[in-house]
Amino acid sequence: MEEVIPNIIDETANNLLIMIPSLAEVKQAVFDLNSDGAPRPDGFGDWFFQSYWDVIQQDVYAIVLDFFHIQAGFL
């Protein structure tokens, strides 16, 4: 089966894709969002995460880390 699916991402690029982001990288991603965008299904818009970052940053980062740890089991 492997011969049918071409390898288009080398090991170096793959390692960059699965690298666990730092808190600073998560913060940058949050602040790169459009603060005027429509709220998500949970009712919170991007402005909420940006406005209350000092209060919620550890919770947001914990969720991101959980995602990467759960996904790592599938790699």
PDB file of N, CA and C in Angstrom:
ATOM      1  N   MET A   1       0.820  -1.191   0.000  1.00  0.00           N
ATOM      2  CA  MET A   1       0.000   0.000   0.000  1.00  0.00           C
ATOM      3  C   MET A   1       0.866   1.258   0.000  1.00  0.00           C
ATOM      4  N   GLU A   2       1.995   1.248   0.681  1.00  0.00           N
ATOM      5  CA  GLU A   2       2.840   2.427   0.757  1.00  0.00           C
ATOM      6  C   GLU A   2       3.344   2.878  -0.612  1.00  0.00           C
ATOM      7  N   GLU A   3       3.527   1.954  -1.527  1.00  0.00           N
ATOM      8  CA  GLU A   3       4.020   2.334  -2.846  1.00  0.00           C
ATOM      9  C   GLU A   3       2.969   3.087  -3.663  1.00  0.00           C
ATOM     10  N   VAL A   4       1.711   2.995  -3.271  1.00  0.00           N
ATOM     11  CA  VAL A   4       0.630   3.679  -3.968  1.00  0.00           C
ATOM     12  C   VAL A   4       0.512   5.136  -3.501  1.00  0.00           C
ATOM     13  N   ILE A   5       0.825   5.392  -2.243  1.00  0.00           N
ATOM     14  CA  ILE A   5       0.712   6.732  -1.665  1.00  0.00           C
ATOM     15  C   ILE A   5       2.100   7.369  -1.650  1.00  0.00           C
ATOM     16  N   PRO A   6       2.282   8.440  -2.421  1.00  0.00           N
ATOM     17  CA  PRO A   6       3.602   9.072  -2.476  1.00  0.00           C
ATOM     18  C   PRO A   6       3.917   9.830  -1.180  1.00  0.00           C
ATOM     19  N   ASN A   7       5.189   9.834  -0.811  1.00  0.00           N
ATOM     20  CA  ASN A   7       5.649  10.621   0.332  1.00  0.00           C
ATOM     21  C   ASN A   7       5.948  12.034  -0.154  1.00  0.00           C
ATOM     22  N   ILE A   8       5.112  12.975   0.226  1.00  0.00           N
ATOM     23  CA  ILE A   8       5.353  14.353  -0.197  1.00  0.00           C
ATOM     24  C   ILE A   8       5.855  15.218   0.956  1.00  0.00           C
ATOM     25  N   ILE A   9       5.824  14.681   2.167  1.00  0.00           N
ATOM     26  CA  ILE A   9       6.355  15.395   3.329  1.00  0.00           C
ATOM     27  C   ILE A   9       7.499  14.562   3.894  1.00  0.00           C
ATOM     28  N   ASP A  10       8.675  15.187   3.958  1.00  0.00           N
ATOM     29  CA  ASP A  10       9.814  14.449   4.492  1.00  0.00           C
ATOM     30  C   ASP A  10       9.783  14.470   6.026  1.00  0.00           C
ATOM     31  N   GLU A  11      10.696  13.749   6.635  1.00  0.00           N
ATOM     32  CA  GLU A  11      10.690  13.609   8.090  1.00  0.00           C
ATOM     33  C   GLU A  11      10.895  14.948   8.800  1.00  0.00           C
ATOM     34  N   THR A  12      11.723  15.806   8.246  1.00  0.00           N
ATOM     35  CA  THR A  12      11.961  17.119   8.858  1.00  0.00           C
ATOM     36  C   THR A  12      10.680  17.941   8.876  1.00  0.00           C
ATOM     37  N   ALA A  13       9.978  18.014   7.756  1.00  0.00           N
ATOM     38  CA  ALA A  13       8.723  18.763   7.689  1.00  0.00           C
ATOM     39  C   ALA A  13       7.678  18.144   8.603  1.00  0.00           C
ATOM     40  N   ASN A  14       7.619  16.827   8.654  1.00  0.00           N
ATOM     41  CA  ASN A  14       6.662  16.144   9.523  1.00  0.00           C
ATOM     42  C   ASN A  14       6.928  16.476  10.981  1.00  0.00           C
ATOM     43  N   ASN A  15       8.187  16.495  11.379  1.00  0.00           N
ATOM     44  CA  ASN A  15       8.521  16.834  12.761  1.00  0.00           C
ATOM     45  C   ASN A  15       8.092  18.258  13.106  1.00  0.00           C
ATOM     46  N   LEU A  16       8.202  19.173  12.161  1.00  0.00           N
ATOM     47  CA  LEU A  16       7.745  20.545  12.393  1.00  0.00           C
ATOM     48  C   LEU A  16       6.229  20.604  12.546  1.00  0.00           C
ATOM     49  N   LEU A  17       5.522  19.781  11.775  1.00  0.00           N
ATOM     50  CA  LEU A  17       4.058  19.768  11.816  1.00  0.00           C
ATOM     51  C   LEU A  17       3.509  19.210  13.125  1.00  0.00           C
ATOM     52  N   ILE A  18       4.221  18.268  13.729  1.00  0.00           N
ATOM     53  CA  ILE A  18       3.711  17.632  14.945  1.00  0.00           C
ATOM     54  C   ILE A  18       4.361  18.172  16.213  1.00  0.00           C
ATOM     55  N   MET A  19       5.221  19.176  16.080  1.00  0.00           N
ATOM     56  CA  MET A  19       5.887  19.761  17.230  1.00  0.00           C
ATOM     57  C   MET A  19       4.858  20.459  18.134  1.00  0.00           C
ATOM     58  N   ILE A  20       4.964  20.245  19.422  1.00  0.00           N
ATOM     59  CA  ILE A  20       4.047  20.869  20.371  1.00  0.00           C
ATOM     60  C   ILE A  20       4.371  22.353  20.452  1.00  0.00           C
ATOM     61  N   PRO A  21       3.370  23.213  20.251  1.00  0.00           N
ATOM     62  CA  PRO A  21       3.622  24.652  20.247  1.00  0.00           C
ATOM     63  C   PRO A  21       3.876  25.195  21.659  1.00  0.00           C
ATOM     64  N   SER A  22       4.616  26.282  21.720  1.00  0.00           N
ATOM     65  CA  SER A  22       4.860  26.957  22.992  1.00  0.00           C
ATOM     66  C   SER A  22       3.655  27.835  23.333  1.00  0.00           C
ATOM     67  N   LEU A  23       3.617  28.298  24.567  1.00  0.00           N
ATOM     68  CA  LEU A  23       2.554  29.213  24.985  1.00  0.00           C
ATOM     69  C   LEU A  23       2.601  30.485  24.148  1.00  0.00           C
ATOM     70  N   ALA A  24       3.800  30.962  23.835  1.00  0.00           N
ATOM     71  CA  ALA A  24       3.937  32.167  23.008  1.00  0.00           C
ATOM     72  C   ALA A  24       3.360  31.951  21.616  1.00  0.00           C
ATOM     73  N   GLU A  25       3.547  30.755  21.040  1.00  0.00           N
ATOM     74  CA  GLU A  25       2.995  30.463  19.713  1.00  0.00           C
ATOM     75  C   GLU A  25       1.475  30.396  19.749  1.00  0.00           C
ATOM     76  N   VAL A  26       0.924  29.829  20.817  1.00  0.00           N
ATOM     77  CA  VAL A  26      -0.535  29.763  20.945  1.00  0.00           C
ATOM     78  C   VAL A  26      -1.089  31.171  21.096  1.00  0.00           C
ATOM     79  N   LYS A  27      -0.431  31.994  21.909  1.00  0.00           N
ATOM     80  CA  LYS A  27      -0.876  33.376  22.080  1.00  0.00           C
ATOM     81  C   LYS A  27      -0.855  34.109  20.741  1.00  0.00           C
ATOM     82  N   GLN A  28       0.216  33.927  19.973  1.00  0.00           N
ATOM     83  CA  GLN A  28       0.316  34.586  18.669  1.00  0.00           C
ATOM     84  C   GLN A  28      -0.831  34.151  17.766  1.00  0.00           C
ATOM     85  N   ALA A  29      -1.165  32.860  17.786  1.00  0.00           N
ATOM     86  CA  ALA A  29      -2.264  32.357  16.965  1.00  0.00           C
ATOM     87  C   ALA A  29      -3.591  32.975  17.394  1.00  0.00           C
ATOM     88  N   VAL A  30      -3.814  33.099  18.696  1.00  0.00           N
ATOM     89  CA  VAL A  30      -5.057  33.694  19.204  1.00  0.00           C
ATOM     90  C   VAL A  30      -5.156  35.156  18.777  1.00  0.00           C
ATOM     91  N   PHE A  31      -4.046  35.872  18.868  1.00  0.00           N
ATOM     92  CA  PHE A  31      -4.090  37.294  18.537  1.00  0.00           C
ATOM     93  C   PHE A  31      -4.042  37.550  17.028  1.00  0.00           C
ATOM     94  N   ASP A  32      -3.753  36.529  16.248  1.00  0.00           N
ATOM     95  CA  ASP A  32      -3.831  36.646  14.792  1.00  0.00           C
ATOM     96  C   ASP A  32      -5.266  36.461  14.287  1.00  0.00           C
ATOM     97  N   LEU A  33      -6.170  35.991  15.149  1.00  0.00           N
ATOM     98  CA  LEU A  33      -7.561  35.789  14.762  1.00  0.00           C
ATOM     99  C   LEU A  33      -8.267  37.130  14.589  1.00  0.00           C
ATOM    100  N   ASN A  34      -9.308  37.130  13.790  1.00  0.00           N
ATOM    101  CA  ASN A  34     -10.100  38.337  13.555  1.00  0.00           C
ATOM    102  C   ASN A  34     -11.006  38.574  14.762  1.00  0.00           C
ATOM    103  N   SER A  35     -10.696  39.599  15.539  1.00  0.00           N
ATOM    104  CA  SER A  35     -11.469  39.845  16.758  1.00  0.00           C
ATOM    105  C   SER A  35     -12.907  40.261  16.470  1.00  0.00           C
ATOM    106  N   ASP A  36     -13.194  40.677  15.243  1.00  0.00           N
ATOM    107  CA  ASP A  36     -14.552  41.086  14.874  1.00  0.00           C
ATOM    108  C   ASP A  36     -15.356  39.961  14.232  1.00  0.00           C
ATOM    109  N   GLY A  37     -14.805  38.764  14.209  1.00  0.00           N
ATOM    110  CA  GLY A  37     -15.484  37.638  13.573  1.00  0.00           C
ATOM    111  C   GLY A  37     -16.704  37.174  14.361  1.00  0.00           C
ATOM    112  N   ALA A  38     -17.494  36.369  13.734  1.00  0.00           N
ATOM    113  CA  ALA A  38     -18.711  35.838  14.360  1.00  0.00           C
ATOM    114  C   ALA A  38     -18.341  34.904  15.509  1.00  0.00           C
ATOM    115  N   PRO A  39     -19.200  34.855  16.525  1.00  0.00           N
ATOM    116  CA  PRO A  39     -18.940  33.946  17.637  1.00  0.00           C
ATOM    117  C   PRO A  39     -18.973  32.489  17.176  1.00  0.00           C
ATOM    118  N   ARG A  40     -18.282  31.673  17.905  1.00  0.00           N
ATOM    119  CA  ARG A  40     -18.259  30.229  17.633  1.00  0.00           C
ATOM    120  C   ARG A  40     -19.528  29.601  18.217  1.00  0.00           C
ATOM    121  N   PRO A  41     -19.747  28.309  17.979  1.00  0.00           N
ATOM    122  CA  PRO A  41     -20.949  27.666  18.515  1.00  0.00           C
ATOM    123  C   PRO A  41     -21.091  27.792  20.036  1.00  0.00           C
ATOM    124  N   ASP A  42     -19.961  27.948  20.738  1.00  0.00           N
ATOM    125  CA  ASP A  42     -20.045  28.100  22.192  1.00  0.00           C
ATOM    126  C   ASP A  42     -20.428  29.523  22.603  1.00  0.00           C
ATOM    127  N   GLY A  43     -20.576  30.420  21.619  1.00  0.00           N
ATOM    128  CA  GLY A  43     -20.989  31.783  21.899  1.00  0.00           C
ATOM    129  C   GLY A  43     -19.852  32.771  22.103  1.00  0.00           C
ATOM    130  N   PHE A  44     -18.628  32.262  22.159  1.00  0.00           N
ATOM    131  CA  PHE A  44     -17.479  33.136  22.375  1.00  0.00           C
ATOM    132  C   PHE A  44     -16.831  33.500  21.055  1.00  0.00           C
ATOM    133  N   GLY A  45     -16.636  34.780  20.846  1.00  0.00           N
ATOM    134  CA  GLY A  45     -15.926  35.248  19.666  1.00  0.00           C
ATOM    135  C   GLY A  45     -14.442  35.357  19.964  1.00  0.00           C
ATOM    136  N   ASP A  46     -13.674  35.605  18.924  1.00  0.00           N
ATOM    137  CA  ASP A  46     -12.226  35.715  19.100  1.00  0.00           C
ATOM    138  C   ASP A  46     -11.862  36.869  20.025  1.00  0.00           C
ATOM    139  N   TRP A  47     -12.690  37.924  20.024  1.00  0.00           N
ATOM    140  CA  TRP A  47     -12.432  39.063  20.905  1.00  0.00           C
ATOM    141  C   TRP A  47     -12.380  38.637  22.358  1.00  0.00           C
ATOM    142  N   PHE A  48     -13.202  37.630  22.743  1.00  0.00           N
ATOM    143  CA  PHE A  48     -13.221  37.152  24.129  1.00  0.00           C
ATOM    144  C   PHE A  48     -11.858  36.596  24.510  1.00  0.00           C
ATOM    145  N   PHE A  49     -11.314  35.731  23.648  1.00  0.00           N
ATOM    146  CA  PHE A  49     -10.032  35.108  23.945  1.00  0.00           C
ATOM    147  C   PHE A  49      -8.911  36.137  23.991  1.00  0.00           C
ATOM    148  N   GLN A  50      -8.990  37.138  23.139  1.00  0.00           N
ATOM    149  CA  GLN A  50      -7.974  38.187  23.126  1.00  0.00           C
ATOM    150  C   GLN A  50      -8.128  39.112  24.330  1.00  0.00           C
ATOM    151  N   SER A  51      -9.338  39.489  24.660  1.00  0.00           N
ATOM    152  CA  SER A  51      -9.586  40.422  25.759  1.00  0.00           C
ATOM    153  C   SER A  51      -9.259  39.826  27.122  1.00  0.00           C
ATOM    154  N   TYR A  52      -9.522  38.540  27.284  1.00  0.00           N
ATOM    155  CA  TYR A  52      -9.337  37.898  28.579  1.00  0.00           C
ATOM    156  C   TYR A  52      -8.150  36.935  28.599  1.00  0.00           C
ATOM    157  N   TRP A  53      -7.207  37.137  27.682  1.00  0.00           N
ATOM    158  CA  TRP A  53      -6.070  36.235  27.557  1.00  0.00           C
ATOM    159  C   TRP A  53      -5.336  36.050  28.877  1.00  0.00           C
ATOM    160  N   ASP A  54      -5.114  37.111  29.630  1.00  0.00           N
ATOM    161  CA  ASP A  54      -4.384  36.991  30.896  1.00  0.00           C
ATOM    162  C   ASP A  54      -5.081  36.060  31.878  1.00  0.00           C
ATOM    163  N   VAL A  55      -6.391  35.965  31.800  1.00  0.00           N
ATOM    164  CA  VAL A  55      -7.159  35.122  32.712  1.00  0.00           C
ATOM    165  C   VAL A  55      -7.236  33.679  32.213  1.00  0.00           C
ATOM    166  N   ILE A  56      -7.392  33.489  30.907  1.00  0.00           N
ATOM    167  CA  ILE A  56      -7.691  32.156  30.363  1.00  0.00           C
ATOM    168  C   ILE A  56      -6.513  31.471  29.685  1.00  0.00           C
ATOM    169  N   GLN A  57      -5.372  32.127  29.609  1.00  0.00           N
ATOM    170  CA  GLN A  57      -4.269  31.571  28.822  1.00  0.00           C
ATOM    171  C   GLN A  57      -3.842  30.165  29.253  1.00  0.00           C
ATOM    172  N   GLN A  58      -3.790  29.901  30.538  1.00  0.00           N
ATOM    173  CA  GLN A  58      -3.359  28.570  30.985  1.00  0.00           C
ATOM    174  C   GLN A  58      -4.379  27.502  30.597  1.00  0.00           C
ATOM    175  N   ASP A  59      -5.665  27.832  30.664  1.00  0.00           N
ATOM    176  CA  ASP A  59      -6.697  26.869  30.264  1.00  0.00           C
ATOM    177  C   ASP A  59      -6.653  26.606  28.764  1.00  0.00           C
ATOM    178  N   VAL A  60      -6.497  27.664  27.988  1.00  0.00           N
ATOM    179  CA  VAL A  60      -6.410  27.511  26.530  1.00  0.00           C
ATOM    180  C   VAL A  60      -5.192  26.677  26.173  1.00  0.00           C
ATOM    181  N   TYR A  61      -4.061  26.973  26.796  1.00  0.00           N
ATOM    182  CA  TYR A  61      -2.830  26.231  26.503  1.00  0.00           C
ATOM    183  C   TYR A  61      -2.971  24.761  26.901  1.00  0.00           C
ATOM    184  N   ALA A  62      -3.631  24.501  28.016  1.00  0.00           N
ATOM    185  CA  ALA A  62      -3.845  23.114  28.445  1.00  0.00           C
ATOM    186  C   ALA A  62      -4.674  22.347  27.416  1.00  0.00           C
ATOM    187  N   ILE A  63      -5.666  22.999  26.834  1.00  0.00           N
ATOM    188  CA  ILE A  63      -6.495  22.354  25.808  1.00  0.00           C
ATOM    189  C   ILE A  63      -5.665  22.057  24.560  1.00  0.00           C
ATOM    190  N   VAL A  64      -4.816  23.003  24.177  1.00  0.00           N
ATOM    191  CA  VAL A  64      -3.945  22.784  23.010  1.00  0.00           C
ATOM    192  C   VAL A  64      -3.003  21.609  23.279  1.00  0.00           C
ATOM    193  N   LEU A  65      -2.411  21.566  24.466  1.00  0.00           N
ATOM    194  CA  LEU A  65      -1.517  20.453  24.803  1.00  0.00           C
ATOM    195  C   LEU A  65      -2.261  19.129  24.804  1.00  0.00           C
ATOM    196  N   ASP A  66      -3.479  19.117  25.328  1.00  0.00           N
ATOM    197  CA  ASP A  66      -4.290  17.896  25.296  1.00  0.00           C
ATOM    198  C   ASP A  66      -4.504  17.417  23.870  1.00  0.00           C
ATOM    199  N   PHE A  67      -4.796  18.341  22.968  1.00  0.00           N
ATOM    200  CA  PHE A  67      -4.987  17.982  21.568  1.00  0.00           C
ATOM    201  C   PHE A  67      -3.743  17.297  21.015  1.00  0.00           C
ATOM    202  N   PHE A  68      -2.586  17.883  21.248  1.00  0.00           N
ATOM    203  CA  PHE A  68      -1.360  17.309  20.697  1.00  0.00           C
ATOM    204  C   PHE A  68      -1.021  15.971  21.337  1.00  0.00           C
ATOM    205  N   HIS A  69      -1.297  15.806  22.598  1.00  0.00           N
ATOM    206  CA  HIS A  69      -1.020  14.523  23.245  1.00  0.00           C
ATOM    207  C   HIS A  69      -1.980  13.446  22.771  1.00  0.00           C
ATOM    208  N   ILE A  70      -3.239  13.795  22.574  1.00  0.00           N
ATOM    209  CA  ILE A  70      -4.207  12.835  22.067  1.00  0.00           C
ATOM    210  C   ILE A  70      -3.854  12.464  20.628  1.00  0.00           C
ATOM    211  N   GLN A  71      -3.541  13.475  19.814  1.00  0.00           N
ATOM    212  CA  GLN A  71      -3.204  13.224  18.421  1.00  0.00           C
ATOM    213  C   GLN A  71      -1.905  12.443  18.279  1.00  0.00           C
ATOM    214  N   ALA A  72      -0.967  12.619  19.213  1.00  0.00           N
ATOM    215  CA  ALA A  72       0.315  11.914  19.130  1.00  0.00           C
ATOM    216  C   ALA A  72       0.117  10.412  19.138  1.00  0.00           C
ATOM    217  N   GLY A  73      -0.960   9.936  19.774  1.00  0.00           N
ATOM    218  CA  GLY A  73      -1.244   8.511  19.776  1.00  0.00           C
ATOM    219  C   GLY A  73      -1.597   7.970  18.405  1.00  0.00           C
ATOM    220  N   PHE A  74      -1.970   8.842  17.487  1.00  0.00           N
ATOM    221  CA  PHE A  74      -2.362   8.413  16.141  1.00  0.00           C
ATOM    222  C   PHE A  74      -1.227   8.539  15.135  1.00  0.00           C
ATOM    223  N   LEU A  75      -0.095   9.105  15.565  1.00  0.00           N
ATOM    224  CA  LEU A  75       1.011   9.339  14.624  1.00  0.00           C
ATOM    225  C   LEU A  75       1.809   8.090  14.397  1.00  0.00           C
TER     226      LEU A  75
END
